[in-house]
Amino acid sequence: MFVAGFRHRPNVDAAVWFVRDILPLVRARLPQISTILAGSFPPAAVTGLANEHVLVTGYIPDAVLEWFYRSATVAILPLRFGGGIKGKLIEALRFGLPVVTTTPGAQGLPEPEDYVSIGDTPQLFAERIVELIENPGLAQARALRGLDYIQQEFAYSSVAARMAADIPELGSLLPPGQGTLSR
């Protein structure tokens, strides 16, 4: 599953690159696999990718998106360019999905190879997907490390502690006994 807002050019490029260059390699090993391209405003370049194995949703409500996340086996972020930490990556990790991405897709994250699989060529990206699907133990380990990362970096108490380090008045937001984090 790939979740994206398709008004953003890197997401359109990612969807096209995935379906044209990576998915055939995955399907050669896992012919039963299906892909969901979920997100608002898909242009013709993306809607034209839809077929019996590729679902292009357009906008979907949060409840449906959550159902897709809970039903998917792997989240993909086949981004070849773009900047910053990707909300779609954080969201997939939060839902406990193993993630396959590229180096640009993992940009801004510390030691991403500890909790996501990275492949920058069609062959490597496809291999990372196949290995997660064929090895549920590896997929589970990646998902759990991703959940640990989300808890460490994005849980309310973690964010409040980091903010309180710079703004002591926010210390009252911390759970009792947490104190402040040192950097």
N, C-alpha and C. Protein backbone atom coordinates (compact mmCIF):
# COMPACT_ATOMS: atom_id res chain seq x y z
N MET A 1 0.84 -1.18 0.00
CA MET A 1 0.00 0.00 0.00
C MET A 1 0.88 1.24 0.00
N PHE A 2 0.50 2.20 -0.84
CA PHE A 2 1.17 3.50 -0.89
C PHE A 2 0.11 4.56 -0.64
N VAL A 3 0.33 5.39 0.38
CA VAL A 3 -0.59 6.46 0.73
C VAL A 3 0.07 7.78 0.34
N ALA A 4 -0.66 8.60 -0.42
CA ALA A 4 -0.04 9.83 -0.90
C ALA A 4 -1.09 10.84 -1.31
N GLY A 5 -0.73 12.09 -1.20
CA GLY A 5 -1.50 13.15 -1.82
C GLY A 5 -0.89 13.37 -3.19
N PHE A 6 -1.67 13.17 -4.23
CA PHE A 6 -1.11 13.15 -5.58
C PHE A 6 -1.01 14.51 -6.24
N ARG A 7 -1.26 15.57 -5.51
CA ARG A 7 -0.94 16.90 -6.03
C ARG A 7 0.54 17.20 -5.86
N HIS A 8 1.24 16.33 -5.14
CA HIS A 8 2.67 16.49 -4.86
C HIS A 8 3.43 15.63 -5.87
N ARG A 9 4.22 16.28 -6.74
CA ARG A 9 4.89 15.60 -7.84
C ARG A 9 5.72 14.38 -7.44
N PRO A 10 6.46 14.41 -6.32
CA PRO A 10 7.22 13.21 -5.95
C PRO A 10 6.33 11.98 -5.75
N ASN A 11 5.09 12.18 -5.30
CA ASN A 11 4.19 11.04 -5.08
C ASN A 11 3.70 10.45 -6.41
N VAL A 12 3.45 11.30 -7.40
CA VAL A 12 3.05 10.82 -8.71
C VAL A 12 4.20 10.02 -9.32
N ASP A 13 5.40 10.57 -9.27
CA ASP A 13 6.57 9.86 -9.78
C ASP A 13 6.74 8.52 -9.08
N ALA A 14 6.55 8.50 -7.77
CA ALA A 14 6.72 7.27 -7.00
C ALA A 14 5.72 6.20 -7.42
N ALA A 15 4.47 6.59 -7.60
CA ALA A 15 3.44 5.63 -7.99
C ALA A 15 3.74 5.05 -9.37
N VAL A 16 4.09 5.91 -10.30
CA VAL A 16 4.40 5.45 -11.66
C VAL A 16 5.63 4.55 -11.66
N TRP A 17 6.68 4.97 -10.97
CA TRP A 17 7.90 4.18 -10.89
C TRP A 17 7.61 2.81 -10.28
N PHE A 18 6.83 2.80 -9.20
CA PHE A 18 6.53 1.53 -8.55
C PHE A 18 5.77 0.58 -9.48
N VAL A 19 4.68 1.05 -10.06
CA VAL A 19 3.84 0.17 -10.87
C VAL A 19 4.55 -0.27 -12.14
N ARG A 20 5.29 0.61 -12.76
CA ARG A 20 5.94 0.26 -14.04
C ARG A 20 7.24 -0.52 -13.87
N ASP A 21 8.05 -0.17 -12.87
CA ASP A 21 9.40 -0.74 -12.78
C ASP A 21 9.60 -1.74 -11.65
N ILE A 22 8.85 -1.60 -10.57
CA ILE A 22 9.07 -2.46 -9.39
C ILE A 22 8.03 -3.56 -9.30
N LEU A 23 6.77 -3.22 -9.43
CA LEU A 23 5.70 -4.21 -9.27
C LEU A 23 5.86 -5.42 -10.18
N PRO A 24 6.26 -5.29 -11.45
CA PRO A 24 6.46 -6.50 -12.27
C PRO A 24 7.51 -7.44 -11.68
N LEU A 25 8.53 -6.89 -11.03
CA LEU A 25 9.56 -7.73 -10.39
C LEU A 25 8.98 -8.45 -9.17
N VAL A 26 8.14 -7.77 -8.42
CA VAL A 26 7.50 -8.38 -7.25
C VAL A 26 6.54 -9.47 -7.72
N ARG A 27 5.72 -9.15 -8.74
CA ARG A 27 4.73 -10.10 -9.23
C ARG A 27 5.37 -11.34 -9.86
N ALA A 28 6.59 -11.22 -10.35
CA ALA A 28 7.29 -12.40 -10.88
C ALA A 28 7.52 -13.43 -9.78
N ARG A 29 7.71 -12.96 -8.56
CA ARG A 29 7.93 -13.85 -7.40
C ARG A 29 6.65 -14.12 -6.63
N LEU A 30 5.75 -13.12 -6.59
CA LEU A 30 4.49 -13.22 -5.83
C LEU A 30 3.34 -12.81 -6.74
N PRO A 31 2.92 -13.68 -7.65
CA PRO A 31 1.92 -13.28 -8.64
C PRO A 31 0.57 -12.89 -8.06
N GLN A 32 0.28 -13.29 -6.84
CA GLN A 32 -1.02 -12.98 -6.24
C GLN A 32 -1.07 -11.60 -5.61
N ILE A 33 0.02 -10.88 -5.57
CA ILE A 33 0.07 -9.61 -4.84
C ILE A 33 -0.78 -8.53 -5.52
N SER A 34 -1.41 -7.72 -4.67
CA SER A 34 -2.18 -6.56 -5.12
C SER A 34 -1.61 -5.32 -4.44
N THR A 35 -1.80 -4.19 -5.08
CA THR A 35 -1.28 -2.93 -4.56
C THR A 35 -2.40 -1.92 -4.48
N ILE A 36 -2.40 -1.14 -3.39
CA ILE A 36 -3.34 -0.05 -3.22
C ILE A 36 -2.55 1.26 -3.32
N LEU A 37 -2.99 2.14 -4.20
CA LEU A 37 -2.46 3.50 -4.28
C LEU A 37 -3.57 4.39 -3.74
N ALA A 38 -3.45 4.78 -2.48
CA ALA A 38 -4.52 5.51 -1.79
C ALA A 38 -4.14 6.97 -1.63
N GLY A 39 -5.01 7.84 -2.07
CA GLY A 39 -4.75 9.25 -1.85
C GLY A 39 -5.56 10.15 -2.75
N SER A 40 -5.64 11.37 -2.33
CA SER A 40 -6.49 12.34 -3.02
C SER A 40 -5.83 12.87 -4.29
N PHE A 41 -6.68 13.28 -5.20
CA PHE A 41 -6.31 13.97 -6.42
C PHE A 41 -5.34 13.21 -7.33
N PRO A 42 -5.58 11.92 -7.55
CA PRO A 42 -4.67 11.23 -8.47
C PRO A 42 -4.87 11.74 -9.90
N PRO A 43 -3.80 12.15 -10.57
CA PRO A 43 -3.92 12.60 -11.95
C PRO A 43 -4.06 11.39 -12.89
N ALA A 44 -4.24 11.67 -14.15
CA ALA A 44 -4.39 10.60 -15.14
C ALA A 44 -3.19 9.66 -15.14
N ALA A 45 -2.00 10.19 -14.88
CA ALA A 45 -0.81 9.34 -14.84
C ALA A 45 -0.92 8.27 -13.77
N VAL A 46 -1.66 8.55 -12.70
CA VAL A 46 -1.84 7.57 -11.62
C VAL A 46 -3.11 6.74 -11.84
N THR A 47 -4.21 7.37 -12.18
CA THR A 47 -5.44 6.58 -12.40
C THR A 47 -5.25 5.60 -13.55
N GLY A 48 -4.40 5.94 -14.50
CA GLY A 48 -4.11 5.05 -15.62
C GLY A 48 -3.34 3.81 -15.22
N LEU A 49 -2.83 3.78 -14.00
CA LEU A 49 -2.09 2.61 -13.49
C LEU A 49 -3.03 1.52 -12.97
N ALA A 50 -4.29 1.87 -12.74
CA ALA A 50 -5.26 0.92 -12.17
C ALA A 50 -5.45 -0.26 -13.10
N ASN A 51 -5.48 -1.43 -12.51
CA ASN A 51 -5.78 -2.66 -13.25
C ASN A 51 -6.26 -3.70 -12.24
N GLU A 52 -6.34 -4.94 -12.63
CA GLU A 52 -6.87 -5.96 -11.73
C GLU A 52 -5.99 -6.18 -10.50
N HIS A 53 -4.75 -5.71 -10.53
CA HIS A 53 -3.82 -5.89 -9.40
C HIS A 53 -3.47 -4.58 -8.70
N VAL A 54 -3.93 -3.46 -9.24
CA VAL A 54 -3.61 -2.14 -8.69
C VAL A 54 -4.91 -1.37 -8.49
N LEU A 55 -5.21 -1.04 -7.24
CA LEU A 55 -6.38 -0.24 -6.90
C LEU A 55 -5.93 1.19 -6.67
N VAL A 56 -6.51 2.13 -7.41
CA VAL A 56 -6.27 3.55 -7.20
C VAL A 56 -7.55 4.11 -6.59
N THR A 57 -7.46 4.61 -5.36
CA THR A 57 -8.68 4.95 -4.63
C THR A 57 -9.18 6.37 -4.83
N GLY A 58 -8.30 7.32 -5.04
CA GLY A 58 -8.71 8.71 -4.88
C GLY A 58 -8.89 8.97 -3.40
N TYR A 59 -9.55 10.08 -3.07
CA TYR A 59 -9.77 10.42 -1.66
C TYR A 59 -10.57 9.31 -0.97
N ILE A 60 -10.16 8.98 0.25
CA ILE A 60 -10.92 8.05 1.08
C ILE A 60 -11.00 8.62 2.49
N PRO A 61 -12.11 8.36 3.19
CA PRO A 61 -12.22 8.85 4.58
C PRO A 61 -11.21 8.14 5.49
N ASP A 62 -10.93 8.76 6.61
CA ASP A 62 -9.96 8.21 7.56
C ASP A 62 -10.30 6.79 8.00
N ALA A 63 -11.57 6.49 8.19
CA ALA A 63 -11.95 5.14 8.63
C ALA A 63 -11.58 4.09 7.58
N VAL A 64 -11.74 4.41 6.32
CA VAL A 64 -11.37 3.48 5.25
C VAL A 64 -9.85 3.35 5.17
N LEU A 65 -9.16 4.48 5.30
CA LEU A 65 -7.70 4.45 5.28
C LEU A 65 -7.18 3.58 6.42
N GLU A 66 -7.76 3.73 7.61
CA GLU A 66 -7.35 2.90 8.74
C GLU A 66 -7.60 1.43 8.44
N TRP A 67 -8.73 1.11 7.82
CA TRP A 67 -9.02 -0.28 7.46
C TRP A 67 -7.97 -0.79 6.48
N PHE A 68 -7.58 0.03 5.50
CA PHE A 68 -6.53 -0.37 4.56
C PHE A 68 -5.22 -0.64 5.30
N TYR A 69 -4.85 0.27 6.21
CA TYR A 69 -3.62 0.06 6.98
C TYR A 69 -3.67 -1.24 7.76
N ARG A 70 -4.78 -1.54 8.37
CA ARG A 70 -4.90 -2.74 9.19
C ARG A 70 -5.00 -4.00 8.34
N SER A 71 -5.30 -3.85 7.05
CA SER A 71 -5.41 -5.00 6.15
C SER A 71 -4.16 -5.23 5.32
N ALA A 72 -3.33 -4.23 5.18
CA ALA A 72 -2.14 -4.33 4.32
C ALA A 72 -1.06 -5.18 4.97
N THR A 73 -0.22 -5.72 4.14
CA THR A 73 0.92 -6.52 4.61
C THR A 73 2.18 -5.67 4.71
N VAL A 74 2.35 -4.75 3.76
CA VAL A 74 3.54 -3.90 3.70
C VAL A 74 3.12 -2.51 3.21
N ALA A 75 3.71 -1.48 3.80
CA ALA A 75 3.56 -0.12 3.29
C ALA A 75 4.77 0.18 2.43
N ILE A 76 4.53 0.85 1.31
CA ILE A 76 5.63 1.21 0.43
C ILE A 76 5.70 2.72 0.29
N LEU A 77 6.92 3.23 0.19
CA LEU A 77 7.18 4.64 -0.08
C LEU A 77 8.27 4.70 -1.13
N PRO A 78 7.91 4.49 -2.40
CA PRO A 78 8.92 4.43 -3.46
C PRO A 78 9.33 5.81 -3.97
N LEU A 79 9.66 6.69 -3.05
CA LEU A 79 9.99 8.08 -3.40
C LEU A 79 11.41 8.19 -3.91
N ARG A 80 11.56 8.88 -5.04
CA ARG A 80 12.90 9.06 -5.62
C ARG A 80 13.45 10.45 -5.34
N PHE A 81 12.61 11.36 -4.91
CA PHE A 81 13.05 12.70 -4.54
C PHE A 81 12.01 13.32 -3.62
N GLY A 82 12.38 14.43 -3.01
CA GLY A 82 11.53 15.10 -2.03
C GLY A 82 12.36 15.36 -0.79
N GLY A 83 11.85 16.14 0.12
CA GLY A 83 12.63 16.49 1.29
C GLY A 83 11.86 16.30 2.58
N GLY A 84 12.62 16.15 3.65
CA GLY A 84 12.04 16.12 4.98
C GLY A 84 11.49 14.77 5.40
N ILE A 85 11.09 14.72 6.65
CA ILE A 85 10.49 13.50 7.21
C ILE A 85 9.11 13.33 6.60
N LYS A 86 8.80 12.13 6.17
CA LYS A 86 7.54 11.86 5.48
C LYS A 86 6.47 11.43 6.47
N GLY A 87 5.39 12.20 6.53
CA GLY A 87 4.28 11.87 7.40
C GLY A 87 3.71 10.50 7.08
N LYS A 88 3.69 10.13 5.80
CA LYS A 88 3.15 8.83 5.40
C LYS A 88 4.00 7.68 5.97
N LEU A 89 5.29 7.90 6.14
CA LEU A 89 6.16 6.88 6.74
C LEU A 89 5.86 6.75 8.23
N ILE A 90 5.76 7.87 8.91
CA ILE A 90 5.45 7.86 10.35
C ILE A 90 4.09 7.20 10.57
N GLU A 91 3.11 7.54 9.73
CA GLU A 91 1.77 6.97 9.87
C GLU A 91 1.79 5.45 9.68
N ALA A 92 2.50 4.97 8.67
CA ALA A 92 2.57 3.53 8.44
C ALA A 92 3.22 2.81 9.62
N LEU A 93 4.29 3.40 10.15
CA LEU A 93 4.94 2.80 11.32
C LEU A 93 3.99 2.79 12.52
N ARG A 94 3.23 3.86 12.68
CA ARG A 94 2.28 3.97 13.79
C ARG A 94 1.22 2.87 13.71
N PHE A 95 0.86 2.47 12.50
CA PHE A 95 -0.11 1.39 12.34
C PHE A 95 0.54 0.01 12.44
N GLY A 96 1.84 -0.05 12.69
CA GLY A 96 2.51 -1.32 12.88
C GLY A 96 2.78 -2.08 11.60
N LEU A 97 2.92 -1.37 10.50
CA LEU A 97 3.24 -2.02 9.23
C LEU A 97 4.73 -1.99 8.98
N PRO A 98 5.27 -3.08 8.45
CA PRO A 98 6.65 -2.99 7.97
C PRO A 98 6.65 -2.10 6.73
N VAL A 99 7.72 -1.34 6.55
CA VAL A 99 7.80 -0.35 5.49
C VAL A 99 8.99 -0.63 4.60
N VAL A 100 8.76 -0.49 3.28
CA VAL A 100 9.85 -0.51 2.31
C VAL A 100 9.87 0.88 1.68
N THR A 101 11.03 1.51 1.69
CA THR A 101 11.18 2.84 1.14
C THR A 101 12.53 2.97 0.45
N THR A 102 12.84 4.17 0.07
CA THR A 102 14.11 4.51 -0.56
C THR A 102 14.89 5.40 0.39
N THR A 103 16.11 5.70 0.03
CA THR A 103 16.89 6.64 0.84
C THR A 103 16.18 8.00 0.94
N PRO A 104 15.68 8.58 -0.18
CA PRO A 104 14.93 9.83 -0.03
C PRO A 104 13.66 9.67 0.81
N GLY A 105 13.02 8.51 0.76
CA GLY A 105 11.81 8.27 1.55
C GLY A 105 12.09 8.22 3.04
N ALA A 106 13.30 7.85 3.41
CA ALA A 106 13.67 7.74 4.82
C ALA A 106 14.43 8.98 5.31
N GLN A 107 14.53 9.99 4.46
CA GLN A 107 15.28 11.19 4.80
C GLN A 107 14.82 11.80 6.11
N GLY A 108 15.79 12.20 6.92
CA GLY A 108 15.49 12.89 8.17
C GLY A 108 15.31 11.98 9.37
N LEU A 109 15.32 10.67 9.13
CA LEU A 109 15.14 9.74 10.24
C LEU A 109 16.50 9.19 10.69
N PRO A 110 16.72 9.10 11.98
CA PRO A 110 17.99 8.56 12.46
C PRO A 110 18.04 7.04 12.27
N GLU A 111 19.10 6.57 11.66
CA GLU A 111 19.33 5.13 11.47
C GLU A 111 18.08 4.39 10.98
N PRO A 112 17.52 4.81 9.86
CA PRO A 112 16.26 4.22 9.40
C PRO A 112 16.35 2.73 9.08
N GLU A 113 17.53 2.27 8.72
CA GLU A 113 17.67 0.84 8.40
C GLU A 113 17.39 -0.06 9.59
N ASP A 114 17.31 0.52 10.80
CA ASP A 114 16.95 -0.26 11.99
C ASP A 114 15.47 -0.62 12.02
N TYR A 115 14.62 0.14 11.31
CA TYR A 115 13.19 -0.11 11.42
C TYR A 115 12.43 -0.04 10.10
N VAL A 116 13.10 0.29 8.99
CA VAL A 116 12.48 0.21 7.67
C VAL A 116 13.45 -0.50 6.73
N SER A 117 12.91 -1.07 5.67
CA SER A 117 13.73 -1.69 4.64
C SER A 117 13.93 -0.68 3.53
N ILE A 118 15.16 -0.57 3.03
CA ILE A 118 15.49 0.44 2.03
C ILE A 118 15.99 -0.23 0.76
N GLY A 119 15.44 0.22 -0.36
CA GLY A 119 15.89 -0.24 -1.67
C GLY A 119 15.81 0.91 -2.66
N ASP A 120 16.94 1.28 -3.25
CA ASP A 120 16.97 2.45 -4.13
C ASP A 120 16.91 2.11 -5.62
N THR A 121 16.94 0.84 -5.95
CA THR A 121 16.78 0.44 -7.34
C THR A 121 15.50 -0.40 -7.43
N PRO A 122 14.94 -0.53 -8.62
CA PRO A 122 13.75 -1.39 -8.72
C PRO A 122 14.01 -2.80 -8.20
N GLN A 123 15.17 -3.36 -8.50
CA GLN A 123 15.48 -4.72 -8.05
C GLN A 123 15.56 -4.81 -6.54
N LEU A 124 16.26 -3.87 -5.91
CA LEU A 124 16.38 -3.90 -4.44
C LEU A 124 15.04 -3.61 -3.76
N PHE A 125 14.28 -2.67 -4.30
CA PHE A 125 12.99 -2.34 -3.71
C PHE A 125 12.09 -3.57 -3.76
N ALA A 126 12.04 -4.23 -4.92
CA ALA A 126 11.21 -5.43 -5.08
C ALA A 126 11.69 -6.53 -4.14
N GLU A 127 12.99 -6.71 -4.03
CA GLU A 127 13.53 -7.76 -3.14
C GLU A 127 13.14 -7.49 -1.69
N ARG A 128 13.17 -6.23 -1.27
CA ARG A 128 12.80 -5.90 0.12
C ARG A 128 11.33 -6.24 0.38
N ILE A 129 10.46 -5.97 -0.59
CA ILE A 129 9.04 -6.32 -0.44
C ILE A 129 8.88 -7.82 -0.33
N VAL A 130 9.50 -8.54 -1.23
CA VAL A 130 9.38 -10.00 -1.26
C VAL A 130 9.89 -10.60 0.04
N GLU A 131 11.04 -10.14 0.52
CA GLU A 131 11.59 -10.73 1.74
C GLU A 131 10.69 -10.49 2.95
N LEU A 132 10.02 -9.34 3.01
CA LEU A 132 9.09 -9.10 4.12
C LEU A 132 7.85 -9.98 4.02
N ILE A 133 7.36 -10.17 2.82
CA ILE A 133 6.16 -10.99 2.64
C ILE A 133 6.47 -12.47 2.84
N GLU A 134 7.63 -12.90 2.37
CA GLU A 134 7.99 -14.32 2.51
C GLU A 134 8.52 -14.67 3.90
N ASN A 135 8.89 -13.67 4.68
CA ASN A 135 9.45 -13.91 6.00
C ASN A 135 8.65 -13.13 7.04
N PRO A 136 7.53 -13.69 7.50
CA PRO A 136 6.69 -12.97 8.48
C PRO A 136 7.45 -12.61 9.76
N GLY A 137 8.43 -13.42 10.17
CA GLY A 137 9.21 -13.08 11.36
C GLY A 137 10.00 -11.79 11.17
N LEU A 138 10.60 -11.62 10.00
CA LEU A 138 11.32 -10.39 9.70
C LEU A 138 10.35 -9.22 9.63
N ALA A 139 9.20 -9.42 8.98
CA ALA A 139 8.20 -8.36 8.89
C ALA A 139 7.74 -7.93 10.28
N GLN A 140 7.50 -8.90 11.15
CA GLN A 140 7.06 -8.56 12.51
C GLN A 140 8.14 -7.82 13.27
N ALA A 141 9.39 -8.26 13.14
CA ALA A 141 10.49 -7.59 13.83
C ALA A 141 10.62 -6.14 13.36
N ARG A 142 10.53 -5.92 12.06
CA ARG A 142 10.59 -4.55 11.51
C ARG A 142 9.43 -3.71 12.05
N ALA A 143 8.24 -4.29 12.03
CA ALA A 143 7.06 -3.57 12.51
C ALA A 143 7.21 -3.19 13.98
N LEU A 144 7.70 -4.11 14.79
CA LEU A 144 7.87 -3.83 16.22
C LEU A 144 8.94 -2.77 16.45
N ARG A 145 10.04 -2.84 15.70
CA ARG A 145 11.07 -1.79 15.83
C ARG A 145 10.52 -0.44 15.39
N GLY A 146 9.66 -0.45 14.36
CA GLY A 146 9.02 0.78 13.93
C GLY A 146 8.11 1.35 15.00
N LEU A 147 7.33 0.49 15.65
CA LEU A 147 6.47 0.95 16.74
C LEU A 147 7.29 1.50 17.90
N ASP A 148 8.42 0.85 18.22
CA ASP A 148 9.31 1.36 19.26
C ASP A 148 9.83 2.75 18.90
N TYR A 149 10.22 2.93 17.64
CA TYR A 149 10.71 4.22 17.18
C TYR A 149 9.62 5.29 17.33
N ILE A 150 8.41 4.97 16.92
CA ILE A 150 7.30 5.93 17.03
C ILE A 150 7.06 6.30 18.49
N GLN A 151 7.08 5.32 19.37
CA GLN A 151 6.89 5.59 20.80
C GLN A 151 7.99 6.49 21.33
N GLN A 152 9.22 6.20 20.96
CA GLN A 152 10.38 6.95 21.44
C GLN A 152 10.37 8.39 20.93
N GLU A 153 9.99 8.59 19.69
CA GLU A 153 10.12 9.91 19.07
C GLU A 153 8.83 10.73 19.03
N PHE A 154 7.68 10.07 18.97
CA PHE A 154 6.45 10.81 18.69
C PHE A 154 5.35 10.65 19.74
N ALA A 155 5.57 9.83 20.75
CA ALA A 155 4.57 9.72 21.82
C ALA A 155 4.46 11.05 22.55
N TYR A 156 3.30 11.33 23.08
CA TYR A 156 3.05 12.60 23.78
C TYR A 156 4.13 12.88 24.81
N SER A 157 4.44 11.91 25.64
CA SER A 157 5.41 12.15 26.71
C SER A 157 6.80 12.44 26.15
N SER A 158 7.17 11.81 25.04
CA SER A 158 8.49 12.06 24.43
C SER A 158 8.57 13.48 23.87
N VAL A 159 7.54 13.88 23.16
CA VAL A 159 7.52 15.21 22.57
C VAL A 159 7.47 16.27 23.68
N ALA A 160 6.64 16.05 24.68
CA ALA A 160 6.53 17.01 25.79
C ALA A 160 7.86 17.15 26.52
N ALA A 161 8.57 16.05 26.71
CA ALA A 161 9.86 16.11 27.39
C ALA A 161 10.88 16.89 26.58
N ARG A 162 10.91 16.68 25.27
CA ARG A 162 11.84 17.44 24.42
C ARG A 162 11.50 18.93 24.43
N MET A 163 10.22 19.24 24.38
CA MET A 163 9.81 20.64 24.42
C MET A 163 10.15 21.27 25.77
N ALA A 164 9.95 20.53 26.84
CA ALA A 164 10.22 21.06 28.18
C ALA A 164 11.71 21.31 28.39
N ALA A 165 12.56 20.61 27.64
CA ALA A 165 13.99 20.86 27.75
C ALA A 165 14.33 22.27 27.29
N ASP A 166 13.58 22.78 26.31
CA ASP A 166 13.81 24.12 25.80
C ASP A 166 12.90 25.17 26.44
N ILE A 167 11.74 24.73 26.90
CA ILE A 167 10.76 25.65 27.48
C ILE A 167 10.37 25.07 28.84
N PRO A 168 11.12 25.40 29.88
CA PRO A 168 10.90 24.77 31.20
C PRO A 168 9.46 24.90 31.71
N GLU A 169 8.76 25.94 31.31
CA GLU A 169 7.38 26.12 31.77
C GLU A 169 6.47 24.98 31.31
N LEU A 170 6.88 24.25 30.29
CA LEU A 170 6.08 23.13 29.80
C LEU A 170 6.28 21.86 30.62
N GLY A 171 7.15 21.91 31.60
CA GLY A 171 7.41 20.74 32.44
C GLY A 171 6.15 20.20 33.08
N SER A 172 5.17 21.05 33.28
CA SER A 172 3.91 20.59 33.89
C SER A 172 3.14 19.66 32.95
N LEU A 173 3.50 19.61 31.68
CA LEU A 173 2.83 18.72 30.72
C LEU A 173 3.32 17.28 30.83
N LEU A 174 4.46 17.12 31.50
CA LEU A 174 5.05 15.78 31.59
C LEU A 174 4.33 14.92 32.63
N PRO A 175 4.27 13.64 32.37
CA PRO A 175 3.73 12.73 33.38
C PRO A 175 4.55 12.83 34.66
N PRO A 176 3.96 12.58 35.82
CA PRO A 176 4.70 12.66 37.09
C PRO A 176 5.95 11.78 37.06
N GLY A 177 7.05 12.34 37.53
CA GLY A 177 8.29 11.57 37.63
C GLY A 177 9.10 11.51 36.35
N GLN A 178 8.60 12.06 35.25
CA GLN A 178 9.35 11.97 33.98
C GLN A 178 10.50 12.96 33.94
N GLY A 179 10.32 14.13 34.54
CA GLY A 179 11.38 15.12 34.49
C GLY A 179 11.59 15.61 33.08
N THR A 180 12.81 16.02 32.77
CA THR A 180 13.11 16.46 31.41
C THR A 180 14.16 15.56 30.82
N LEU A 181 14.21 15.56 29.52
CA LEU A 181 15.20 14.76 28.82
C LEU A 181 16.43 15.62 28.58
N SER A 182 17.57 15.02 28.68
CA SER A 182 18.79 15.74 28.28
C SER A 182 19.02 15.44 26.82
N ARG A 183 19.71 16.32 26.16
CA ARG A 183 19.94 16.14 24.72
C ARG A 183 21.21 15.41 24.47
